[in-house]
Amino acid sequence: RGSAPATAMVSAFEELCQRRGLQPDEWRRSLASPIIAEKCLLDMTEEELQRHYAAVEARAQSTREDRALIVLERSQEGRLERQANRVFEQRASDGTISADEAP
């Protein structure tokens, strides 16, 4: 008896990439790559060090959601993300949940 093949669940990270018009594999590689300093940190002036660390901090802040979704996606091959989605759907009202309601 034939059944239709199960379609792979699109992860939240992949959905985020689709909304932003990014290729998930390329974005994963980009996030995994460090910001390369223009020169050796030991040779930088205080101003250069401050600019470099500010760029690193800005990237960390701007990619926080992306990196968290990658962790969820990787955790137990997506099982953790599916479980989180189920719990959210059970507890959410009008598609939202407050922080104090989260387990």
PDB file of N, CA and C in Angstrom:
ATOM      1  N   ARG A   1       0.837  -1.164   0.000  1.00  0.00           N
ATOM      2  CA  ARG A   1       0.000   0.000   0.000  1.00  0.00           C
ATOM      3  C   ARG A   1       0.888   1.235   0.000  1.00  0.00           C
ATOM      4  N   GLY A   2       0.666   2.122  -0.927  1.00  0.00           N
ATOM      5  CA  GLY A   2       1.530   3.288  -1.075  1.00  0.00           C
ATOM      6  C   GLY A   2       0.979   4.488  -0.344  1.00  0.00           C
ATOM      7  N   SER A   3       1.868   5.170   0.276  1.00  0.00           N
ATOM      8  CA  SER A   3       1.462   6.414   0.929  1.00  0.00           C
ATOM      9  C   SER A   3       2.383   7.516   0.433  1.00  0.00           C
ATOM     10  N   ALA A   4       1.899   8.705   0.486  1.00  0.00           N
ATOM     11  CA  ALA A   4       2.699   9.842   0.039  1.00  0.00           C
ATOM     12  C   ALA A   4       3.894  10.001   0.962  1.00  0.00           C
ATOM     13  N   PRO A   5       5.060  10.310   0.386  1.00  0.00           N
ATOM     14  CA  PRO A   5       6.230  10.495   1.243  1.00  0.00           C
ATOM     15  C   PRO A   5       6.048  11.694   2.155  1.00  0.00           C
ATOM     16  N   ALA A   6       6.531  11.533   3.368  1.00  0.00           N
ATOM     17  CA  ALA A   6       6.423  12.617   4.351  1.00  0.00           C
ATOM     18  C   ALA A   6       7.306  13.775   3.905  1.00  0.00           C
ATOM     19  N   THR A   7       6.758  14.965   3.926  1.00  0.00           N
ATOM     20  CA  THR A   7       7.554  16.129   3.576  1.00  0.00           C
ATOM     21  C   THR A   7       8.323  16.572   4.810  1.00  0.00           C
ATOM     22  N   ALA A   8       9.535  16.983   4.570  1.00  0.00           N
ATOM     23  CA  ALA A   8      10.373  17.421   5.687  1.00  0.00           C
ATOM     24  C   ALA A   8       9.821  18.726   6.242  1.00  0.00           C
ATOM     25  N   MET A   9       9.807  18.806   7.559  1.00  0.00           N
ATOM     26  CA  MET A   9       9.339  20.019   8.217  1.00  0.00           C
ATOM     27  C   MET A   9      10.362  21.136   7.990  1.00  0.00           C
ATOM     28  N   VAL A  10       9.887  22.288   7.611  1.00  0.00           N
ATOM     29  CA  VAL A  10      10.764  23.435   7.435  1.00  0.00           C
ATOM     30  C   VAL A  10      11.040  24.000   8.815  1.00  0.00           C
ATOM     31  N   SER A  11      12.310  24.168   9.130  1.00  0.00           N
ATOM     32  CA  SER A  11      12.669  24.663  10.453  1.00  0.00           C
ATOM     33  C   SER A  11      12.383  26.157  10.549  1.00  0.00           C
ATOM     34  N   ALA A  12      12.323  26.630  11.777  1.00  0.00           N
ATOM     35  CA  ALA A  12      12.110  28.060  12.017  1.00  0.00           C
ATOM     36  C   ALA A  12      13.269  28.874  11.438  1.00  0.00           C
ATOM     37  N   PHE A  13      14.474  28.321  11.472  1.00  0.00           N
ATOM     38  CA  PHE A  13      15.628  29.004  10.881  1.00  0.00           C
ATOM     39  C   PHE A  13      15.431  29.151   9.379  1.00  0.00           C
ATOM     40  N   GLU A  14      14.982  28.083   8.718  1.00  0.00           N
ATOM     41  CA  GLU A  14      14.756  28.147   7.280  1.00  0.00           C
ATOM     42  C   GLU A  14      13.631  29.129   6.939  1.00  0.00           C
ATOM     43  N   GLU A  15      12.586  29.167   7.771  1.00  0.00           N
ATOM     44  CA  GLU A  15      11.509  30.140   7.562  1.00  0.00           C
ATOM     45  C   GLU A  15      12.042  31.565   7.678  1.00  0.00           C
ATOM     46  N   LEU A  16      12.897  31.796   8.678  1.00  0.00           N
ATOM     47  CA  LEU A  16      13.498  33.111   8.865  1.00  0.00           C
ATOM     48  C   LEU A  16      14.308  33.497   7.628  1.00  0.00           C
ATOM     49  N   CYS A  17      15.083  32.562   7.113  1.00  0.00           N
ATOM     50  CA  CYS A  17      15.885  32.821   5.916  1.00  0.00           C
ATOM     51  C   CYS A  17      14.990  33.136   4.719  1.00  0.00           C
ATOM     52  N   GLN A  18      13.889  32.395   4.575  1.00  0.00           N
ATOM     53  CA  GLN A  18      12.963  32.658   3.470  1.00  0.00           C
ATOM     54  C   GLN A  18      12.399  34.073   3.565  1.00  0.00           C
ATOM     55  N   ARG A  19      12.003  34.486   4.768  1.00  0.00           N
ATOM     56  CA  ARG A  19      11.459  35.835   4.948  1.00  0.00           C
ATOM     57  C   ARG A  19      12.479  36.915   4.597  1.00  0.00           C
ATOM     58  N   ARG A  20      13.746  36.621   4.866  1.00  0.00           N
ATOM     59  CA  ARG A  20      14.813  37.598   4.611  1.00  0.00           C
ATOM     60  C   ARG A  20      15.426  37.453   3.218  1.00  0.00           C
ATOM     61  N   GLY A  21      15.009  36.448   2.466  1.00  0.00           N
ATOM     62  CA  GLY A  21      15.558  36.233   1.131  1.00  0.00           C
ATOM     63  C   GLY A  21      16.982  35.699   1.157  1.00  0.00           C
ATOM     64  N   LEU A  22      17.305  34.891   2.170  1.00  0.00           N
ATOM     65  CA  LEU A  22      18.648  34.321   2.320  1.00  0.00           C
ATOM     66  C   LEU A  22      18.621  32.828   2.018  1.00  0.00           C
ATOM     67  N   GLN A  23      19.751  32.298   1.597  1.00  0.00           N
ATOM     68  CA  GLN A  23      19.907  30.863   1.422  1.00  0.00           C
ATOM     69  C   GLN A  23      20.339  30.277   2.768  1.00  0.00           C
ATOM     70  N   PRO A  24      19.574  29.349   3.355  1.00  0.00           N
ATOM     71  CA  PRO A  24      19.898  28.831   4.689  1.00  0.00           C
ATOM     72  C   PRO A  24      21.321  28.282   4.822  1.00  0.00           C
ATOM     73  N   ASP A  25      21.783  27.504   3.851  1.00  0.00           N
ATOM     74  CA  ASP A  25      23.126  26.922   3.971  1.00  0.00           C
ATOM     75  C   ASP A  25      24.208  27.991   3.941  1.00  0.00           C
ATOM     76  N   GLU A  26      24.040  28.972   3.068  1.00  0.00           N
ATOM     77  CA  GLU A  26      25.031  30.055   2.993  1.00  0.00           C
ATOM     78  C   GLU A  26      25.016  30.889   4.274  1.00  0.00           C
ATOM     79  N   TRP A  27      23.823  31.157   4.827  1.00  0.00           N
ATOM     80  CA  TRP A  27      23.713  31.955   6.042  1.00  0.00           C
ATOM     81  C   TRP A  27      24.301  31.211   7.229  1.00  0.00           C
ATOM     82  N   ARG A  28      24.084  29.879   7.295  1.00  0.00           N
ATOM     83  CA  ARG A  28      24.693  29.072   8.365  1.00  0.00           C
ATOM     84  C   ARG A  28      26.210  29.197   8.314  1.00  0.00           C
ATOM     85  N   ARG A  29      26.780  29.067   7.100  1.00  0.00           N
ATOM     86  CA  ARG A  29      28.242  29.175   6.954  1.00  0.00           C
ATOM     87  C   ARG A  29      28.725  30.561   7.373  1.00  0.00           C
ATOM     88  N   SER A  30      27.985  31.587   6.982  1.00  0.00           N
ATOM     89  CA  SER A  30      28.369  32.944   7.336  1.00  0.00           C
ATOM     90  C   SER A  30      28.354  33.142   8.848  1.00  0.00           C
ATOM     91  N   LEU A  31      27.316  32.623   9.510  1.00  0.00           N
ATOM     92  CA  LEU A  31      27.226  32.756  10.963  1.00  0.00           C
ATOM     93  C   LEU A  31      28.314  31.968  11.682  1.00  0.00           C
ATOM     94  N   ALA A  32      28.775  30.894  11.062  1.00  0.00           N
ATOM     95  CA  ALA A  32      29.813  30.064  11.675  1.00  0.00           C
ATOM     96  C   ALA A  32      31.205  30.675  11.509  1.00  0.00           C
ATOM     97  N   SER A  33      31.329  31.654  10.630  1.00  0.00           N
ATOM     98  CA  SER A  33      32.630  32.279  10.370  1.00  0.00           C
ATOM     99  C   SER A  33      32.825  33.489  11.280  1.00  0.00           C
ATOM    100  N   PRO A  34      33.981  33.590  11.887  1.00  0.00           N
ATOM    101  CA  PRO A  34      34.234  34.752  12.753  1.00  0.00           C
ATOM    102  C   PRO A  34      34.479  36.012  11.930  1.00  0.00           C
ATOM    103  N   ILE A  35      34.351  37.151  12.574  1.00  0.00           N
ATOM    104  CA  ILE A  35      34.741  38.406  11.934  1.00  0.00           C
ATOM    105  C   ILE A  35      36.259  38.458  11.959  1.00  0.00           C
ATOM    106  N   ILE A  36      36.841  38.587  10.801  1.00  0.00           N
ATOM    107  CA  ILE A  36      38.301  38.604  10.699  1.00  0.00           C
ATOM    108  C   ILE A  36      38.799  40.038  10.890  1.00  0.00           C
ATOM    109  N   ALA A  37      39.703  40.197  11.828  1.00  0.00           N
ATOM    110  CA  ALA A  37      40.273  41.518  12.103  1.00  0.00           C
ATOM    111  C   ALA A  37      41.167  41.944  10.944  1.00  0.00           C
ATOM    112  N   GLU A  38      41.239  43.258  10.723  1.00  0.00           N
ATOM    113  CA  GLU A  38      42.056  43.800   9.637  1.00  0.00           C
ATOM    114  C   GLU A  38      43.539  43.495   9.837  1.00  0.00           C
ATOM    115  N   LYS A  39      43.953  43.420  11.076  1.00  0.00           N
ATOM    116  CA  LYS A  39      45.333  43.074  11.392  1.00  0.00           C
ATOM    117  C   LYS A  39      45.362  42.408  12.754  1.00  0.00           C
ATOM    118  N   CYS A  40      46.496  41.949  13.155  1.00  0.00           N
ATOM    119  CA  CYS A  40      46.651  41.265  14.438  1.00  0.00           C
ATOM    120  C   CYS A  40      46.171  42.172  15.572  1.00  0.00           C
ATOM    121  N   LEU A  41      45.398  41.603  16.501  1.00  0.00           N
ATOM    122  CA  LEU A  41      44.873  42.393  17.612  1.00  0.00           C
ATOM    123  C   LEU A  41      45.983  43.061  18.415  1.00  0.00           C
ATOM    124  N   LEU A  42      47.110  42.400  18.528  1.00  0.00           N
ATOM    125  CA  LEU A  42      48.232  42.982  19.281  1.00  0.00           C
ATOM    126  C   LEU A  42      48.789  44.232  18.612  1.00  0.00           C
ATOM    127  N   ASP A  43      48.606  44.342  17.289  1.00  0.00           N
ATOM    128  CA  ASP A  43      49.123  45.494  16.547  1.00  0.00           C
ATOM    129  C   ASP A  43      48.107  46.626  16.427  1.00  0.00           C
ATOM    130  N   MET A  44      46.911  46.447  16.932  1.00  0.00           N
ATOM    131  CA  MET A  44      45.862  47.463  16.805  1.00  0.00           C
ATOM    132  C   MET A  44      46.012  48.547  17.860  1.00  0.00           C
ATOM    133  N   THR A  45      45.590  49.741  17.464  1.00  0.00           N
ATOM    134  CA  THR A  45      45.515  50.844  18.425  1.00  0.00           C
ATOM    135  C   THR A  45      44.261  50.640  19.265  1.00  0.00           C
ATOM    136  N   GLU A  46      44.110  51.424  20.319  1.00  0.00           N
ATOM    137  CA  GLU A  46      42.903  51.340  21.156  1.00  0.00           C
ATOM    138  C   GLU A  46      41.655  51.600  20.322  1.00  0.00           C
ATOM    139  N   GLU A  47      41.703  52.586  19.452  1.00  0.00           N
ATOM    140  CA  GLU A  47      40.542  52.908  18.607  1.00  0.00           C
ATOM    141  C   GLU A  47      40.193  51.749  17.683  1.00  0.00           C
ATOM    142  N   GLU A  48      41.206  51.141  17.074  1.00  0.00           N
ATOM    143  CA  GLU A  48      40.970  50.007  16.180  1.00  0.00           C
ATOM    144  C   GLU A  48      40.375  48.827  16.951  1.00  0.00           C
ATOM    145  N   LEU A  49      40.910  48.586  18.148  1.00  0.00           N
ATOM    146  CA  LEU A  49      40.362  47.511  18.984  1.00  0.00           C
ATOM    147  C   LEU A  49      38.908  47.791  19.338  1.00  0.00           C
ATOM    148  N   GLN A  50      38.608  49.024  19.716  1.00  0.00           N
ATOM    149  CA  GLN A  50      37.228  49.379  20.060  1.00  0.00           C
ATOM    150  C   GLN A  50      36.295  49.179  18.867  1.00  0.00           C
ATOM    151  N   ARG A  51      36.728  49.599  17.670  1.00  0.00           N
ATOM    152  CA  ARG A  51      35.896  49.411  16.473  1.00  0.00           C
ATOM    153  C   ARG A  51      35.683  47.928  16.179  1.00  0.00           C
ATOM    154  N   HIS A  52      36.739  47.144  16.323  1.00  0.00           N
ATOM    155  CA  HIS A  52      36.632  45.704  16.060  1.00  0.00           C
ATOM    156  C   HIS A  52      35.673  45.050  17.058  1.00  0.00           C
ATOM    157  N   TYR A  53      35.861  45.325  18.333  1.00  0.00           N
ATOM    158  CA  TYR A  53      34.984  44.720  19.348  1.00  0.00           C
ATOM    159  C   TYR A  53      33.542  45.204  19.208  1.00  0.00           C
ATOM    160  N   ALA A  54      33.354  46.452  18.797  1.00  0.00           N
ATOM    161  CA  ALA A  54      32.001  46.967  18.568  1.00  0.00           C
ATOM    162  C   ALA A  54      31.341  46.213  17.408  1.00  0.00           C
ATOM    163  N   ALA A  55      32.112  45.927  16.347  1.00  0.00           N
ATOM    164  CA  ALA A  55      31.578  45.174  15.205  1.00  0.00           C
ATOM    165  C   ALA A  55      31.206  43.754  15.622  1.00  0.00           C
ATOM    166  N   VAL A  56      32.054  43.139  16.440  1.00  0.00           N
ATOM    167  CA  VAL A  56      31.778  41.783  16.930  1.00  0.00           C
ATOM    168  C   VAL A  56      30.509  41.784  17.784  1.00  0.00           C
ATOM    169  N   GLU A  57      30.387  42.751  18.684  1.00  0.00           N
ATOM    170  CA  GLU A  57      29.209  42.850  19.547  1.00  0.00           C
ATOM    171  C   GLU A  57      27.942  43.126  18.740  1.00  0.00           C
ATOM    172  N   ALA A  58      28.036  44.005  17.749  1.00  0.00           N
ATOM    173  CA  ALA A  58      26.873  44.320  16.910  1.00  0.00           C
ATOM    174  C   ALA A  58      26.408  43.090  16.148  1.00  0.00           C
ATOM    175  N   ARG A  59      27.356  42.329  15.622  1.00  0.00           N
ATOM    176  CA  ARG A  59      26.979  41.116  14.902  1.00  0.00           C
ATOM    177  C   ARG A  59      26.340  40.108  15.853  1.00  0.00           C
ATOM    178  N   ALA A  60      26.895  39.967  17.032  1.00  0.00           N
ATOM    179  CA  ALA A  60      26.329  39.033  18.012  1.00  0.00           C
ATOM    180  C   ALA A  60      24.887  39.414  18.350  1.00  0.00           C
ATOM    181  N   GLN A  61      24.633  40.693  18.533  1.00  0.00           N
ATOM    182  CA  GLN A  61      23.283  41.153  18.865  1.00  0.00           C
ATOM    183  C   GLN A  61      22.327  40.979  17.691  1.00  0.00           C
ATOM    184  N   SER A  62      22.790  41.310  16.491  1.00  0.00           N
ATOM    185  CA  SER A  62      21.897  41.273  15.334  1.00  0.00           C
ATOM    186  C   SER A  62      21.610  39.853  14.843  1.00  0.00           C
ATOM    187  N   THR A  63      22.416  38.898  15.258  1.00  0.00           N
ATOM    188  CA  THR A  63      22.213  37.512  14.804  1.00  0.00           C
ATOM    189  C   THR A  63      21.780  36.586  15.948  1.00  0.00           C
ATOM    190  N   ARG A  64      21.387  37.151  17.060  1.00  0.00           N
ATOM    191  CA  ARG A  64      21.005  36.342  18.225  1.00  0.00           C
ATOM    192  C   ARG A  64      19.878  35.366  17.885  1.00  0.00           C
ATOM    193  N   GLU A  65      18.814  35.854  17.274  1.00  0.00           N
ATOM    194  CA  GLU A  65      17.682  34.985  16.927  1.00  0.00           C
ATOM    195  C   GLU A  65      18.118  33.903  15.939  1.00  0.00           C
ATOM    196  N   ASP A  66      18.899  34.289  14.950  1.00  0.00           N
ATOM    197  CA  ASP A  66      19.359  33.339  13.935  1.00  0.00           C
ATOM    198  C   ASP A  66      20.142  32.193  14.578  1.00  0.00           C
ATOM    199  N   ARG A  67      21.072  32.549  15.453  1.00  0.00           N
ATOM    200  CA  ARG A  67      21.908  31.530  16.095  1.00  0.00           C
ATOM    201  C   ARG A  67      21.095  30.639  17.025  1.00  0.00           C
ATOM    202  N   ALA A  68      20.123  31.219  17.727  1.00  0.00           N
ATOM    203  CA  ALA A  68      19.263  30.419  18.613  1.00  0.00           C
ATOM    204  C   ALA A  68      18.440  29.426  17.803  1.00  0.00           C
ATOM    205  N   LEU A  69      17.946  29.855  16.643  1.00  0.00           N
ATOM    206  CA  LEU A  69      17.151  28.953  15.804  1.00  0.00           C
ATOM    207  C   LEU A  69      18.002  27.831  15.223  1.00  0.00           C
ATOM    208  N   ILE A  70      19.269  28.106  14.950  1.00  0.00           N
ATOM    209  CA  ILE A  70      20.168  27.047  14.482  1.00  0.00           C
ATOM    210  C   ILE A  70      20.362  26.006  15.575  1.00  0.00           C
ATOM    211  N   VAL A  71      20.528  26.458  16.804  1.00  0.00           N
ATOM    212  CA  VAL A  71      20.683  25.523  17.930  1.00  0.00           C
ATOM    213  C   VAL A  71      19.442  24.651  18.059  1.00  0.00           C
ATOM    214  N   LEU A  72      18.265  25.264  17.987  1.00  0.00           N
ATOM    215  CA  LEU A  72      17.023  24.483  18.050  1.00  0.00           C
ATOM    216  C   LEU A  72      16.947  23.480  16.906  1.00  0.00           C
ATOM    217  N   GLU A  73      17.324  23.927  15.731  1.00  0.00           N
ATOM    218  CA  GLU A  73      17.271  23.070  14.548  1.00  0.00           C
ATOM    219  C   GLU A  73      18.198  21.860  14.706  1.00  0.00           C
ATOM    220  N   ARG A  74      19.373  22.087  15.232  1.00  0.00           N
ATOM    221  CA  ARG A  74      20.357  21.011  15.386  1.00  0.00           C
ATOM    222  C   ARG A  74      20.041  20.080  16.560  1.00  0.00           C
ATOM    223  N   SER A  75      19.418  20.608  17.578  1.00  0.00           N
ATOM    224  CA  SER A  75      19.163  19.828  18.789  1.00  0.00           C
ATOM    225  C   SER A  75      18.314  18.610  18.468  1.00  0.00           C
ATOM    226  N   GLN A  76      18.914  17.483  18.646  1.00  0.00           N
ATOM    227  CA  GLN A  76      18.230  16.202  18.456  1.00  0.00           C
ATOM    228  C   GLN A  76      17.535  16.138  17.104  1.00  0.00           C
ATOM    229  N   GLU A  77      18.221  16.632  16.071  1.00  0.00           N
ATOM    230  CA  GLU A  77      17.731  16.580  14.692  1.00  0.00           C
ATOM    231  C   GLU A  77      16.351  17.201  14.540  1.00  0.00           C
ATOM    232  N   GLY A  78      16.097  18.281  15.240  1.00  0.00           N
ATOM    233  CA  GLY A  78      14.845  19.000  15.103  1.00  0.00           C
ATOM    234  C   GLY A  78      13.752  18.575  16.066  1.00  0.00           C
ATOM    235  N   ARG A  79      13.966  17.501  16.823  1.00  0.00           N
ATOM    236  CA  ARG A  79      12.912  17.044  17.742  1.00  0.00           C
ATOM    237  C   ARG A  79      12.623  18.089  18.806  1.00  0.00           C
ATOM    238  N   LEU A  80      13.648  18.755  19.293  1.00  0.00           N
ATOM    239  CA  LEU A  80      13.455  19.787  20.313  1.00  0.00           C
ATOM    240  C   LEU A  80      12.617  20.940  19.755  1.00  0.00           C
ATOM    241  N   GLU A  81      12.885  21.328  18.512  1.00  0.00           N
ATOM    242  CA  GLU A  81      12.111  22.402  17.893  1.00  0.00           C
ATOM    243  C   GLU A  81      10.654  21.982  17.717  1.00  0.00           C
ATOM    244  N   ARG A  82      10.406  20.769  17.275  1.00  0.00           N
ATOM    245  CA  ARG A  82       9.019  20.299  17.115  1.00  0.00           C
ATOM    246  C   ARG A  82       8.302  20.276  18.460  1.00  0.00           C
ATOM    247  N   GLN A  83       9.006  19.819  19.514  1.00  0.00           N
ATOM    248  CA  GLN A  83       8.405  19.800  20.848  1.00  0.00           C
ATOM    249  C   GLN A  83       8.103  21.222  21.313  1.00  0.00           C
ATOM    250  N   ALA A  84       9.027  22.144  21.071  1.00  0.00           N
ATOM    251  CA  ALA A  84       8.811  23.544  21.462  1.00  0.00           C
ATOM    252  C   ALA A  84       7.601  24.122  20.726  1.00  0.00           C
ATOM    253  N   ASN A  85       7.465  23.794  19.455  1.00  0.00           N
ATOM    254  CA  ASN A  85       6.302  24.274  18.689  1.00  0.00           C
ATOM    255  C   ASN A  85       5.003  23.712  19.255  1.00  0.00           C
ATOM    256  N   ARG A  86       4.994  22.444  19.620  1.00  0.00           N
ATOM    257  CA  ARG A  86       3.781  21.832  20.198  1.00  0.00           C
ATOM    258  C   ARG A  86       3.400  22.510  21.510  1.00  0.00           C
ATOM    259  N   VAL A  87       4.379  22.715  22.380  1.00  0.00           N
ATOM    260  CA  VAL A  87       4.113  23.356  23.666  1.00  0.00           C
ATOM    261  C   VAL A  87       3.616  24.778  23.452  1.00  0.00           C
ATOM    262  N   PHE A  88       4.240  25.496  22.518  1.00  0.00           N
ATOM    263  CA  PHE A  88       3.807  26.862  22.238  1.00  0.00           C
ATOM    264  C   PHE A  88       2.353  26.873  21.780  1.00  0.00           C
ATOM    265  N   GLU A  89       2.012  25.975  20.845  1.00  0.00           N
ATOM    266  CA  GLU A  89       0.646  25.929  20.332  1.00  0.00           C
ATOM    267  C   GLU A  89      -0.360  25.579  21.429  1.00  0.00           C
ATOM    268  N   GLN A  90       0.038  24.730  22.372  1.00  0.00           N
ATOM    269  CA  GLN A  90      -0.855  24.350  23.464  1.00  0.00           C
ATOM    270  C   GLN A  90      -1.098  25.516  24.418  1.00  0.00           C
ATOM    271  N   ARG A  91      -0.088  26.315  24.657  1.00  0.00           N
ATOM    272  CA  ARG A  91      -0.168  27.358  25.680  1.00  0.00           C
ATOM    273  C   ARG A  91      -0.486  28.748  25.131  1.00  0.00           C
ATOM    274  N   ALA A  92      -0.313  28.943  23.840  1.00  0.00           N
ATOM    275  CA  ALA A  92      -0.475  30.281  23.270  1.00  0.00           C
ATOM    276  C   ALA A  92      -1.953  30.649  23.141  1.00  0.00           C
ATOM    277  N   SER A  93      -2.204  31.908  23.353  1.00  0.00           N
ATOM    278  CA  SER A  93      -3.542  32.437  23.072  1.00  0.00           C
ATOM    279  C   SER A  93      -3.357  33.573  22.082  1.00  0.00           C
ATOM    280  N   ASP A  94      -4.105  33.551  21.011  1.00  0.00           N
ATOM    281  CA  ASP A  94      -3.963  34.536  19.924  1.00  0.00           C
ATOM    282  C   ASP A  94      -2.544  34.568  19.357  1.00  0.00           C
ATOM    283  N   GLY A  95      -1.881  33.423  19.332  1.00  0.00           N
ATOM    284  CA  GLY A  95      -0.552  33.336  18.744  1.00  0.00           C
ATOM    285  C   GLY A  95       0.560  33.959  19.562  1.00  0.00           C
ATOM    286  N   THR A  96       0.284  34.280  20.819  1.00  0.00           N
ATOM    287  CA  THR A  96       1.317  34.860  21.675  1.00  0.00           C
ATOM    288  C   THR A  96       1.355  34.134  23.010  1.00  0.00           C
ATOM    289  N   ILE A  97       2.486  34.258  23.658  1.00  0.00           N
ATOM    290  CA  ILE A  97       2.652  33.689  25.004  1.00  0.00           C
ATOM    291  C   ILE A  97       3.559  34.649  25.770  1.00  0.00           C
ATOM    292  N   SER A  98       3.212  34.932  27.001  1.00  0.00           N
ATOM    293  CA  SER A  98       4.046  35.835  27.794  1.00  0.00           C
ATOM    294  C   SER A  98       5.181  35.046  28.426  1.00  0.00           C
ATOM    295  N   ALA A  99       6.243  35.731  28.768  1.00  0.00           N
ATOM    296  CA  ALA A  99       7.424  35.063  29.320  1.00  0.00           C
ATOM    297  C   ALA A  99       7.113  34.294  30.593  1.00  0.00           C
ATOM    298  N   ASP A 100       6.246  34.823  31.436  1.00  0.00           N
ATOM    299  CA  ASP A 100       5.951  34.126  32.689  1.00  0.00           C
ATOM    300  C   ASP A 100       5.108  32.864  32.479  1.00  0.00           C
ATOM    301  N   GLU A 101       4.531  32.695  31.288  1.00  0.00           N
ATOM    302  CA  GLU A 101       3.778  31.488  30.981  1.00  0.00           C
ATOM    303  C   GLU A 101       4.651  30.382  30.392  1.00  0.00           C
ATOM    304  N   ALA A 102       5.859  30.740  29.997  1.00  0.00           N
ATOM    305  CA  ALA A 102       6.766  29.774  29.360  1.00  0.00           C
ATOM    306  C   ALA A 102       7.283  28.801  30.410  1.00  0.00           C
ATOM    307  N   PRO A 103       7.380  27.526  30.021  1.00  0.00           N
ATOM    308  CA  PRO A 103       7.882  26.527  30.982  1.00  0.00           C
ATOM    309  C   PRO A 103       9.367  26.705  31.234  1.00  0.00           C
TER     310      PRO A 103
END
